[in-house]
Amino acid sequence: MGSGNYHRESRTHRFEYDQEETPASMAVVTALSEVMGVDPIELDPLERTVSVDALDALAYARKTDIGDVEVTLSLEDYTVTVHSYGVVAVSPVESDDTEDIVPA
C-alpha cells in the first residue's frame, strides 16, 4: 500500500492501494493501524464489524457508469471510508460534545 497523505483541515489520512495486489479489507487494516501507530494484530478483528468478503466485493473497481462506490465504517474511534478507485480515508470520529445553546 502506498504511503498516506494527511489533510489537516479535514483531519483525514488518505492511503492509496493497488486493488490487484491488496483486498480492500487488508487496506483498511493497514491504514487504520498506521494512523493509530499500532501493529495490525492489535486491532479488533475486522470480521467483527463487517463481512470482509462483502467489503472486498463492494470496493473492487469495475467498469461502470455509476461512478465511485464508497463504504464507510466506524472502527476504533475512527471513520474509515473505502473508495472503489483504490483509496482508504481514515479520520477521527466527530465528537458530539457540543453545548446546548440556550437563548437569553
PDB file of N, CA and C in Angstrom:
ATOM      1  N   MET A   1       0.849  -1.166   0.000  1.00  0.00           N
ATOM      2  CA  MET A   1       0.000   0.000   0.000  1.00  0.00           C
ATOM      3  C   MET A   1       0.896   1.232   0.000  1.00  0.00           C
ATOM      4  N   GLY A   2       0.477   2.241  -0.722  1.00  0.00           N
ATOM      5  CA  GLY A   2       1.258   3.467  -0.808  1.00  0.00           C
ATOM      6  C   GLY A   2       1.245   4.235   0.501  1.00  0.00           C
ATOM      7  N   SER A   3       2.147   5.182   0.589  1.00  0.00           N
ATOM      8  CA  SER A   3       2.208   5.994   1.797  1.00  0.00           C
ATOM      9  C   SER A   3       0.975   6.885   1.871  1.00  0.00           C
ATOM     10  N   GLY A   4       0.660   7.293   3.081  1.00  0.00           N
ATOM     11  CA  GLY A   4      -0.531   8.096   3.283  1.00  0.00           C
ATOM     12  C   GLY A   4      -0.252   9.581   3.194  1.00  0.00           C
ATOM     13  N   ASN A   5      -1.284  10.324   2.926  1.00  0.00           N
ATOM     14  CA  ASN A   5      -1.245  11.779   2.943  1.00  0.00           C
ATOM     15  C   ASN A   5      -2.194  12.257   4.020  1.00  0.00           C
ATOM     16  N   TYR A   6      -1.798  13.308   4.734  1.00  0.00           N
ATOM     17  CA  TYR A   6      -2.645  13.844   5.789  1.00  0.00           C
ATOM     18  C   TYR A   6      -3.167  15.210   5.363  1.00  0.00           C
ATOM     19  N   HIS A   7      -4.478  15.397   5.474  1.00  0.00           N
ATOM     20  CA  HIS A   7      -5.128  16.658   5.172  1.00  0.00           C
ATOM     21  C   HIS A   7      -5.551  17.297   6.493  1.00  0.00           C
ATOM     22  N   ARG A   8      -4.849  18.355   6.876  1.00  0.00           N
ATOM     23  CA  ARG A   8      -5.047  18.953   8.192  1.00  0.00           C
ATOM     24  C   ARG A   8      -6.466  19.473   8.399  1.00  0.00           C
ATOM     25  N   GLU A   9      -7.021  20.178   7.423  1.00  0.00           N
ATOM     26  CA  GLU A   9      -8.345  20.773   7.589  1.00  0.00           C
ATOM     27  C   GLU A   9      -9.422  19.732   7.875  1.00  0.00           C
ATOM     28  N   SER A  10      -9.377  18.624   7.168  1.00  0.00           N
ATOM     29  CA  SER A  10     -10.388  17.579   7.366  1.00  0.00           C
ATOM     30  C   SER A  10      -9.943  16.539   8.386  1.00  0.00           C
ATOM     31  N   ARG A  11      -8.664  16.640   8.847  1.00  0.00           N
ATOM     32  CA  ARG A  11      -8.089  15.683   9.791  1.00  0.00           C
ATOM     33  C   ARG A  11      -8.181  14.254   9.240  1.00  0.00           C
ATOM     34  N   THR A  12      -7.961  14.122   7.944  1.00  0.00           N
ATOM     35  CA  THR A  12      -8.119  12.840   7.263  1.00  0.00           C
ATOM     36  C   THR A  12      -6.795  12.348   6.695  1.00  0.00           C
ATOM     37  N   HIS A  13      -6.519  11.082   6.940  1.00  0.00           N
ATOM     38  CA  HIS A  13      -5.385  10.389   6.331  1.00  0.00           C
ATOM     39  C   HIS A  13      -5.929   9.637   5.125  1.00  0.00           C
ATOM     40  N   ARG A  14      -5.273   9.780   3.971  1.00  0.00           N
ATOM     41  CA  ARG A  14      -5.696   9.083   2.751  1.00  0.00           C
ATOM     42  C   ARG A  14      -4.571   8.171   2.279  1.00  0.00           C
ATOM     43  N   PHE A  15      -4.931   6.942   1.995  1.00  0.00           N
ATOM     44  CA  PHE A  15      -3.964   5.937   1.535  1.00  0.00           C
ATOM     45  C   PHE A  15      -4.449   5.358   0.220  1.00  0.00           C
ATOM     46  N   GLU A  16      -3.534   5.205  -0.732  1.00  0.00           N
ATOM     47  CA  GLU A  16      -3.853   4.538  -1.986  1.00  0.00           C
ATOM     48  C   GLU A  16      -3.372   3.101  -1.907  1.00  0.00           C
ATOM     49  N   TYR A  17      -4.123   2.214  -2.527  1.00  0.00           N
ATOM     50  CA  TYR A  17      -3.708   0.812  -2.573  1.00  0.00           C
ATOM     51  C   TYR A  17      -4.012   0.228  -3.937  1.00  0.00           C
ATOM     52  N   ASP A  18      -3.252  -0.770  -4.322  1.00  0.00           N
ATOM     53  CA  ASP A  18      -3.415  -1.455  -5.603  1.00  0.00           C
ATOM     54  C   ASP A  18      -4.425  -2.574  -5.421  1.00  0.00           C
ATOM     55  N   GLN A  19      -5.573  -2.425  -6.033  1.00  0.00           N
ATOM     56  CA  GLN A  19      -6.645  -3.414  -5.871  1.00  0.00           C
ATOM     57  C   GLN A  19      -6.297  -4.776  -6.454  1.00  0.00           C
ATOM     58  N   GLU A  20      -5.355  -4.820  -7.362  1.00  0.00           N
ATOM     59  CA  GLU A  20      -4.940  -6.105  -7.921  1.00  0.00           C
ATOM     60  C   GLU A  20      -4.057  -6.870  -6.946  1.00  0.00           C
ATOM     61  N   GLU A  21      -3.396  -6.143  -6.045  1.00  0.00           N
ATOM     62  CA  GLU A  21      -2.470  -6.755  -5.091  1.00  0.00           C
ATOM     63  C   GLU A  21      -3.046  -6.893  -3.682  1.00  0.00           C
ATOM     64  N   THR A  22      -3.920  -5.959  -3.298  1.00  0.00           N
ATOM     65  CA  THR A  22      -4.382  -5.867  -1.910  1.00  0.00           C
ATOM     66  C   THR A  22      -5.899  -5.768  -1.859  1.00  0.00           C
ATOM     67  N   PRO A  23      -6.559  -6.685  -1.156  1.00  0.00           N
ATOM     68  CA  PRO A  23      -8.012  -6.553  -0.982  1.00  0.00           C
ATOM     69  C   PRO A  23      -8.332  -5.329  -0.118  1.00  0.00           C
ATOM     70  N   ALA A  24      -9.499  -4.755  -0.303  1.00  0.00           N
ATOM     71  CA  ALA A  24      -9.913  -3.573   0.456  1.00  0.00           C
ATOM     72  C   ALA A  24      -9.846  -3.822   1.957  1.00  0.00           C
ATOM     73  N   SER A  25     -10.232  -5.004   2.395  1.00  0.00           N
ATOM     74  CA  SER A  25     -10.226  -5.302   3.833  1.00  0.00           C
ATOM     75  C   SER A  25      -8.824  -5.200   4.416  1.00  0.00           C
ATOM     76  N   MET A  26      -7.825  -5.669   3.686  1.00  0.00           N
ATOM     77  CA  MET A  26      -6.440  -5.578   4.161  1.00  0.00           C
ATOM     78  C   MET A  26      -5.950  -4.134   4.127  1.00  0.00           C
ATOM     79  N   ALA A  27      -6.389  -3.377   3.129  1.00  0.00           N
ATOM     80  CA  ALA A  27      -6.018  -1.966   3.049  1.00  0.00           C
ATOM     81  C   ALA A  27      -6.592  -1.198   4.240  1.00  0.00           C
ATOM     82  N   VAL A  28      -7.805  -1.535   4.653  1.00  0.00           N
ATOM     83  CA  VAL A  28      -8.422  -0.895   5.818  1.00  0.00           C
ATOM     84  C   VAL A  28      -7.606  -1.179   7.070  1.00  0.00           C
ATOM     85  N   VAL A  29      -7.259  -2.423   7.289  1.00  0.00           N
ATOM     86  CA  VAL A  29      -6.494  -2.803   8.484  1.00  0.00           C
ATOM     87  C   VAL A  29      -5.131  -2.112   8.478  1.00  0.00           C
ATOM     88  N   THR A  30      -4.467  -2.102   7.337  1.00  0.00           N
ATOM     89  CA  THR A  30      -3.150  -1.476   7.242  1.00  0.00           C
ATOM     90  C   THR A  30      -3.230   0.030   7.486  1.00  0.00           C
ATOM     91  N   ALA A  31      -4.191   0.701   6.853  1.00  0.00           N
ATOM     92  CA  ALA A  31      -4.344   2.147   7.019  1.00  0.00           C
ATOM     93  C   ALA A  31      -4.675   2.507   8.464  1.00  0.00           C
ATOM     94  N   LEU A  32      -5.628   1.800   9.054  1.00  0.00           N
ATOM     95  CA  LEU A  32      -6.034   2.096  10.421  1.00  0.00           C
ATOM     96  C   LEU A  32      -4.884   1.868  11.397  1.00  0.00           C
ATOM     97  N   SER A  33      -4.150   0.788  11.233  1.00  0.00           N
ATOM     98  CA  SER A  33      -3.029   0.522  12.144  1.00  0.00           C
ATOM     99  C   SER A  33      -1.940   1.578  11.993  1.00  0.00           C
ATOM    100  N   GLU A  34      -1.729   2.056  10.760  1.00  0.00           N
ATOM    101  CA  GLU A  34      -0.726   3.095  10.549  1.00  0.00           C
ATOM    102  C   GLU A  34      -1.143   4.411  11.215  1.00  0.00           C
ATOM    103  N   VAL A  35      -2.403   4.787  11.078  1.00  0.00           N
ATOM    104  CA  VAL A  35      -2.899   6.020  11.703  1.00  0.00           C
ATOM    105  C   VAL A  35      -2.832   5.924  13.221  1.00  0.00           C
ATOM    106  N   MET A  36      -3.170   4.752  13.757  1.00  0.00           N
ATOM    107  CA  MET A  36      -3.177   4.572  15.204  1.00  0.00           C
ATOM    108  C   MET A  36      -1.783   4.308  15.768  1.00  0.00           C
ATOM    109  N   GLY A  37      -0.834   3.979  14.909  1.00  0.00           N
ATOM    110  CA  GLY A  37       0.519   3.698  15.362  1.00  0.00           C
ATOM    111  C   GLY A  37       0.638   2.388  16.119  1.00  0.00           C
ATOM    112  N   VAL A  38      -0.142   1.390  15.698  1.00  0.00           N
ATOM    113  CA  VAL A  38      -0.115   0.074  16.348  1.00  0.00           C
ATOM    114  C   VAL A  38       0.098  -1.009  15.297  1.00  0.00           C
ATOM    115  N   ASP A  39       0.484  -2.183  15.758  1.00  0.00           N
ATOM    116  CA  ASP A  39       0.605  -3.343  14.886  1.00  0.00           C
ATOM    117  C   ASP A  39      -0.805  -3.780  14.479  1.00  0.00           C
ATOM    118  N   PRO A  40      -1.008  -4.167  13.221  1.00  0.00           N
ATOM    119  CA  PRO A  40      -2.346  -4.603  12.798  1.00  0.00           C
ATOM    120  C   PRO A  40      -2.943  -5.709  13.674  1.00  0.00           C
ATOM    121  N   ILE A  41      -2.107  -6.534  14.266  1.00  0.00           N
ATOM    122  CA  ILE A  41      -2.595  -7.628  15.118  1.00  0.00           C
ATOM    123  C   ILE A  41      -3.275  -7.092  16.378  1.00  0.00           C
ATOM    124  N   GLU A  42      -2.926  -5.861  16.780  1.00  0.00           N
ATOM    125  CA  GLU A  42      -3.506  -5.274  17.978  1.00  0.00           C
ATOM    126  C   GLU A  42      -4.924  -4.746  17.776  1.00  0.00           C
ATOM    127  N   LEU A  43      -5.358  -4.607  16.538  1.00  0.00           N
ATOM    128  CA  LEU A  43      -6.707  -4.114  16.252  1.00  0.00           C
ATOM    129  C   LEU A  43      -7.744  -5.215  16.472  1.00  0.00           C
ATOM    130  N   ASP A  44      -8.974  -4.794  16.774  1.00  0.00           N
ATOM    131  CA  ASP A  44     -10.068  -5.763  16.819  1.00  0.00           C
ATOM    132  C   ASP A  44     -10.216  -6.360  15.430  1.00  0.00           C
ATOM    133  N   PRO A  45     -10.507  -7.658  15.335  1.00  0.00           N
ATOM    134  CA  PRO A  45     -10.674  -8.268  14.009  1.00  0.00           C
ATOM    135  C   PRO A  45     -11.762  -7.551  13.199  1.00  0.00           C
ATOM    136  N   LEU A  46     -11.458  -7.229  11.968  1.00  0.00           N
ATOM    137  CA  LEU A  46     -12.396  -6.532  11.097  1.00  0.00           C
ATOM    138  C   LEU A  46     -13.686  -7.325  10.912  1.00  0.00           C
ATOM    139  N   GLU A  47     -13.575  -8.645  10.956  1.00  0.00           N
ATOM    140  CA  GLU A  47     -14.735  -9.519  10.764  1.00  0.00           C
ATOM    141  C   GLU A  47     -15.823  -9.298  11.819  1.00  0.00           C
ATOM    142  N   ARG A  48     -15.463  -8.711  12.954  1.00  0.00           N
ATOM    143  CA  ARG A  48     -16.464  -8.429  14.000  1.00  0.00           C
ATOM    144  C   ARG A  48     -17.375  -7.274  13.615  1.00  0.00           C
ATOM    145  N   THR A  49     -16.938  -6.472  12.647  1.00  0.00           N
ATOM    146  CA  THR A  49     -17.690  -5.280  12.261  1.00  0.00           C
ATOM    147  C   THR A  49     -18.375  -5.427  10.912  1.00  0.00           C
ATOM    148  N   VAL A  50     -17.705  -6.107   9.987  1.00  0.00           N
ATOM    149  CA  VAL A  50     -18.205  -6.163   8.615  1.00  0.00           C
ATOM    150  C   VAL A  50     -17.784  -7.490   7.984  1.00  0.00           C
ATOM    151  N   SER A  51     -18.560  -7.938   7.024  1.00  0.00           N
ATOM    152  CA  SER A  51     -18.159  -9.103   6.247  1.00  0.00           C
ATOM    153  C   SER A  51     -17.019  -8.671   5.322  1.00  0.00           C
ATOM    154  N   VAL A  52     -15.831  -9.222   5.540  1.00  0.00           N
ATOM    155  CA  VAL A  52     -14.692  -8.818   4.715  1.00  0.00           C
ATOM    156  C   VAL A  52     -14.890  -9.207   3.251  1.00  0.00           C
ATOM    157  N   ASP A  53     -15.553 -10.315   3.002  1.00  0.00           N
ATOM    158  CA  ASP A  53     -15.825 -10.713   1.616  1.00  0.00           C
ATOM    159  C   ASP A  53     -16.739  -9.702   0.932  1.00  0.00           C
ATOM    160  N   ALA A  54     -17.759  -9.237   1.652  1.00  0.00           N
ATOM    161  CA  ALA A  54     -18.674  -8.236   1.092  1.00  0.00           C
ATOM    162  C   ALA A  54     -17.951  -6.912   0.866  1.00  0.00           C
ATOM    163  N   LEU A  55     -17.129  -6.492   1.828  1.00  0.00           N
ATOM    164  CA  LEU A  55     -16.367  -5.254   1.677  1.00  0.00           C
ATOM    165  C   LEU A  55     -15.450  -5.333   0.463  1.00  0.00           C
ATOM    166  N   ASP A  56     -14.722  -6.427   0.341  1.00  0.00           N
ATOM    167  CA  ASP A  56     -13.811  -6.594  -0.796  1.00  0.00           C
ATOM    168  C   ASP A  56     -14.568  -6.559  -2.120  1.00  0.00           C
ATOM    169  N   ALA A  57     -15.728  -7.187  -2.169  1.00  0.00           N
ATOM    170  CA  ALA A  57     -16.515  -7.221  -3.410  1.00  0.00           C
ATOM    171  C   ALA A  57     -17.079  -5.845  -3.748  1.00  0.00           C
ATOM    172  N   LEU A  58     -17.589  -5.127  -2.751  1.00  0.00           N
ATOM    173  CA  LEU A  58     -18.176  -3.810  -2.997  1.00  0.00           C
ATOM    174  C   LEU A  58     -17.128  -2.790  -3.423  1.00  0.00           C
ATOM    175  N   ALA A  59     -15.961  -2.853  -2.808  1.00  0.00           N
ATOM    176  CA  ALA A  59     -14.941  -1.825  -3.035  1.00  0.00           C
ATOM    177  C   ALA A  59     -14.054  -2.107  -4.235  1.00  0.00           C
ATOM    178  N   TYR A  60     -14.207  -3.260  -4.866  1.00  0.00           N
ATOM    179  CA  TYR A  60     -13.361  -3.583  -6.009  1.00  0.00           C
ATOM    180  C   TYR A  60     -13.816  -2.785  -7.229  1.00  0.00           C
ATOM    181  N   ALA A  61     -12.886  -2.090  -7.868  1.00  0.00           N
ATOM    182  CA  ALA A  61     -13.215  -1.254  -9.026  1.00  0.00           C
ATOM    183  C   ALA A  61     -13.710  -2.110 -10.189  1.00  0.00           C
ATOM    184  N   ARG A  62     -14.716  -1.631 -10.827  1.00  0.00           N
ATOM    185  CA  ARG A  62     -15.232  -2.282 -12.016  1.00  0.00           C
ATOM    186  C   ARG A  62     -15.655  -1.208 -13.009  1.00  0.00           C
ATOM    187  N   LYS A  63     -15.636  -1.541 -14.252  1.00  0.00           N
ATOM    188  CA  LYS A  63     -16.042  -0.582 -15.273  1.00  0.00           C
ATOM    189  C   LYS A  63     -17.558  -0.427 -15.188  1.00  0.00           C
ATOM    190  N   THR A  64     -17.971   0.785 -14.822  1.00  0.00           N
ATOM    191  CA  THR A  64     -19.397   1.046 -14.660  1.00  0.00           C
ATOM    192  C   THR A  64     -19.674   2.525 -14.860  1.00  0.00           C
ATOM    193  N   ASP A  65     -20.906   2.834 -15.143  1.00  0.00           N
ATOM    194  CA  ASP A  65     -21.309   4.222 -15.314  1.00  0.00           C
ATOM    195  C   ASP A  65     -21.759   4.863 -14.009  1.00  0.00           C
ATOM    196  N   ILE A  66     -21.838   4.078 -12.934  1.00  0.00           N
ATOM    197  CA  ILE A  66     -22.370   4.644 -11.688  1.00  0.00           C
ATOM    198  C   ILE A  66     -21.321   5.421 -10.905  1.00  0.00           C
ATOM    199  N   GLY A  67     -20.070   5.352 -11.288  1.00  0.00           N
ATOM    200  CA  GLY A  67     -19.021   6.095 -10.598  1.00  0.00           C
ATOM    201  C   GLY A  67     -18.481   5.361  -9.394  1.00  0.00           C
ATOM    202  N   ASP A  68     -17.984   6.135  -8.449  1.00  0.00           N
ATOM    203  CA  ASP A  68     -17.337   5.599  -7.255  1.00  0.00           C
ATOM    204  C   ASP A  68     -18.343   4.924  -6.327  1.00  0.00           C
ATOM    205  N   VAL A  69     -17.939   3.775  -5.818  1.00  0.00           N
ATOM    206  CA  VAL A  69     -18.678   3.127  -4.744  1.00  0.00           C
ATOM    207  C   VAL A  69     -17.854   3.355  -3.491  1.00  0.00           C
ATOM    208  N   GLU A  70     -18.501   3.825  -2.427  1.00  0.00           N
ATOM    209  CA  GLU A  70     -17.764   4.002  -1.186  1.00  0.00           C
ATOM    210  C   GLU A  70     -18.499   3.323  -0.050  1.00  0.00           C
ATOM    211  N   VAL A  71     -17.700   2.747   0.840  1.00  0.00           N
ATOM    212  CA  VAL A  71     -18.213   2.061   2.015  1.00  0.00           C
ATOM    213  C   VAL A  71     -17.591   2.747   3.220  1.00  0.00           C
ATOM    214  N   THR A  72     -18.437   3.184   4.161  1.00  0.00           N
ATOM    215  CA  THR A  72     -17.945   3.879   5.347  1.00  0.00           C
ATOM    216  C   THR A  72     -18.246   3.056   6.586  1.00  0.00           C
ATOM    217  N   LEU A  73     -17.229   2.915   7.429  1.00  0.00           N
ATOM    218  CA  LEU A  73     -17.328   2.119   8.659  1.00  0.00           C
ATOM    219  C   LEU A  73     -16.836   2.941   9.840  1.00  0.00           C
ATOM    220  N   SER A  74     -17.337   2.645  11.024  1.00  0.00           N
ATOM    221  CA  SER A  74     -16.796   3.196  12.261  1.00  0.00           C
ATOM    222  C   SER A  74     -15.971   2.105  12.916  1.00  0.00           C
ATOM    223  N   LEU A  75     -14.673   2.371  13.061  1.00  0.00           N
ATOM    224  CA  LEU A  75     -13.752   1.386  13.622  1.00  0.00           C
ATOM    225  C   LEU A  75     -12.797   2.068  14.592  1.00  0.00           C
ATOM    226  N   GLU A  76     -12.681   1.545  15.797  1.00  0.00           N
ATOM    227  CA  GLU A  76     -11.663   2.005  16.736  1.00  0.00           C
ATOM    228  C   GLU A  76     -11.664   3.529  16.924  1.00  0.00           C
ATOM    229  N   ASP A  77     -12.833   4.153  17.038  1.00  0.00           N
ATOM    230  CA  ASP A  77     -12.973   5.606  17.193  1.00  0.00           C
ATOM    231  C   ASP A  77     -12.561   6.396  15.951  1.00  0.00           C
ATOM    232  N   TYR A  78     -12.584   5.751  14.804  1.00  0.00           N
ATOM    233  CA  TYR A  78     -12.282   6.409  13.539  1.00  0.00           C
ATOM    234  C   TYR A  78     -13.383   6.114  12.534  1.00  0.00           C
ATOM    235  N   THR A  79     -13.560   7.034  11.599  1.00  0.00           N
ATOM    236  CA  THR A  79     -14.420   6.803  10.452  1.00  0.00           C
ATOM    237  C   THR A  79     -13.508   6.404   9.306  1.00  0.00           C
ATOM    238  N   VAL A  80     -13.775   5.247   8.719  1.00  0.00           N
ATOM    239  CA  VAL A  80     -12.947   4.718   7.640  1.00  0.00           C
ATOM    240  C   VAL A  80     -13.826   4.598   6.394  1.00  0.00           C
ATOM    241  N   THR A  81     -13.396   5.247   5.318  1.00  0.00           N
ATOM    242  CA  THR A  81     -14.138   5.182   4.061  1.00  0.00           C
ATOM    243  C   THR A  81     -13.258   4.536   3.005  1.00  0.00           C
ATOM    244  N   VAL A  82     -13.792   3.500   2.372  1.00  0.00           N
ATOM    245  CA  VAL A  82     -13.088   2.787   1.309  1.00  0.00           C
ATOM    246  C   VAL A  82     -13.753   3.178  -0.008  1.00  0.00           C
ATOM    247  N   HIS A  83     -12.947   3.672  -0.942  1.00  0.00           N
ATOM    248  CA  HIS A  83     -13.446   4.069  -2.259  1.00  0.00           C
ATOM    249  C   HIS A  83     -13.078   3.002  -3.280  1.00  0.00           C
ATOM    250  N   SER A  84     -13.952   2.824  -4.252  1.00  0.00           N
ATOM    251  CA  SER A  84     -13.720   1.784  -5.259  1.00  0.00           C
ATOM    252  C   SER A  84     -12.611   2.150  -6.235  1.00  0.00           C
ATOM    253  N   TYR A  85     -12.047   3.328  -6.148  1.00  0.00           N
ATOM    254  CA  TYR A  85     -10.913   3.685  -7.000  1.00  0.00           C
ATOM    255  C   TYR A  85      -9.580   3.466  -6.292  1.00  0.00           C
ATOM    256  N   GLY A  86      -9.594   2.720  -5.169  1.00  0.00           N
ATOM    257  CA  GLY A  86      -8.348   2.316  -4.520  1.00  0.00           C
ATOM    258  C   GLY A  86      -7.825   3.274  -3.475  1.00  0.00           C
ATOM    259  N   VAL A  87      -8.721   3.922  -2.732  1.00  0.00           N
ATOM    260  CA  VAL A  87      -8.311   4.839  -1.679  1.00  0.00           C
ATOM    261  C   VAL A  87      -9.042   4.490  -0.391  1.00  0.00           C
ATOM    262  N   VAL A  88      -8.297   4.533   0.721  1.00  0.00           N
ATOM    263  CA  VAL A  88      -8.880   4.387   2.057  1.00  0.00           C
ATOM    264  C   VAL A  88      -8.638   5.708   2.777  1.00  0.00           C
ATOM    265  N   ALA A  89      -9.703   6.301   3.331  1.00  0.00           N
ATOM    266  CA  ALA A  89      -9.600   7.545   4.090  1.00  0.00           C
ATOM    267  C   ALA A  89      -9.945   7.251   5.544  1.00  0.00           C
ATOM    268  N   VAL A  90      -9.107   7.741   6.457  1.00  0.00           N
ATOM    269  CA  VAL A  90      -9.295   7.499   7.891  1.00  0.00           C
ATOM    270  C   VAL A  90      -9.302   8.844   8.611  1.00  0.00           C
ATOM    271  N   SER A  91     -10.363   9.102   9.376  1.00  0.00           N
ATOM    272  CA  SER A  91     -10.435  10.339  10.153  1.00  0.00           C
ATOM    273  C   SER A  91     -11.057  10.037  11.513  1.00  0.00           C
ATOM    274  N   PRO A  92     -10.731  10.858  12.514  1.00  0.00           N
ATOM    275  CA  PRO A  92     -11.312  10.617  13.836  1.00  0.00           C
ATOM    276  C   PRO A  92     -12.816  10.811  13.801  1.00  0.00           C
ATOM    277  N   VAL A  93     -13.521  10.038  14.614  1.00  0.00           N
ATOM    278  CA  VAL A  93     -14.969  10.194  14.718  1.00  0.00           C
ATOM    279  C   VAL A  93     -15.242  11.572  15.285  1.00  0.00           C
ATOM    280  N   GLU A  94     -16.185  12.269  14.693  1.00  0.00           N
ATOM    281  CA  GLU A  94     -16.548  13.595  15.184  1.00  0.00           C
ATOM    282  C   GLU A  94     -17.227  13.473  16.534  1.00  0.00           C
ATOM    283  N   SER A  95     -16.843  14.338  17.436  1.00  0.00           N
ATOM    284  CA  SER A  95     -17.400  14.337  18.790  1.00  0.00           C
ATOM    285  C   SER A  95     -18.755  15.016  18.796  1.00  0.00           C
ATOM    286  N   ASP A  96     -19.664  14.496  19.622  1.00  0.00           N
ATOM    287  CA  ASP A  96     -20.971  15.110  19.812  1.00  0.00           C
ATOM    288  C   ASP A  96     -20.999  15.941  21.086  1.00  0.00           C
ATOM    289  N   ASP A  97     -19.835  16.388  21.545  1.00  0.00           N
ATOM    290  CA  ASP A  97     -19.720  17.135  22.786  1.00  0.00           C
ATOM    291  C   ASP A  97     -19.997  18.618  22.597  1.00  0.00           C
ATOM    292  N   THR A  98     -21.081  18.932  21.926  1.00  0.00           N
ATOM    293  CA  THR A  98     -21.431  20.336  21.730  1.00  0.00           C
ATOM    294  C   THR A  98     -22.348  20.776  22.847  1.00  0.00           C
ATOM    295  N   GLU A  99     -22.155  21.993  23.281  1.00  0.00           N
ATOM    296  CA  GLU A  99     -23.006  22.520  24.351  1.00  0.00           C
ATOM    297  C   GLU A  99     -24.308  22.992  23.769  1.00  0.00           C
ATOM    298  N   ASP A 100     -25.382  22.787  24.504  1.00  0.00           N
ATOM    299  CA  ASP A 100     -26.668  23.313  24.089  1.00  0.00           C
ATOM    300  C   ASP A 100     -26.657  24.819  24.289  1.00  0.00           C
ATOM    301  N   ILE A 101     -27.077  25.538  23.264  1.00  0.00           N
ATOM    302  CA  ILE A 101     -27.128  26.988  23.370  1.00  0.00           C
ATOM    303  C   ILE A 101     -28.554  27.356  23.728  1.00  0.00           C
ATOM    304  N   VAL A 102     -28.671  28.047  24.852  1.00  0.00           N
ATOM    305  CA  VAL A 102     -29.994  28.439  25.339  1.00  0.00           C
ATOM    306  C   VAL A 102     -30.136  29.933  25.115  1.00  0.00           C
ATOM    307  N   PRO A 103     -31.188  30.352  24.398  1.00  0.00           N
ATOM    308  CA  PRO A 103     -31.366  31.789  24.167  1.00  0.00           C
ATOM    309  C   PRO A 103     -31.596  32.504  25.489  1.00  0.00           C
ATOM    310  N   ALA A 104     -31.080  33.743  25.587  1.00  0.00           N
ATOM    311  CA  ALA A 104     -31.242  34.531  26.816  1.00  0.00           C
ATOM    312  C   ALA A 104     -32.613  35.135  26.921  1.00  0.00           C
TER     313      ALA A 104
END
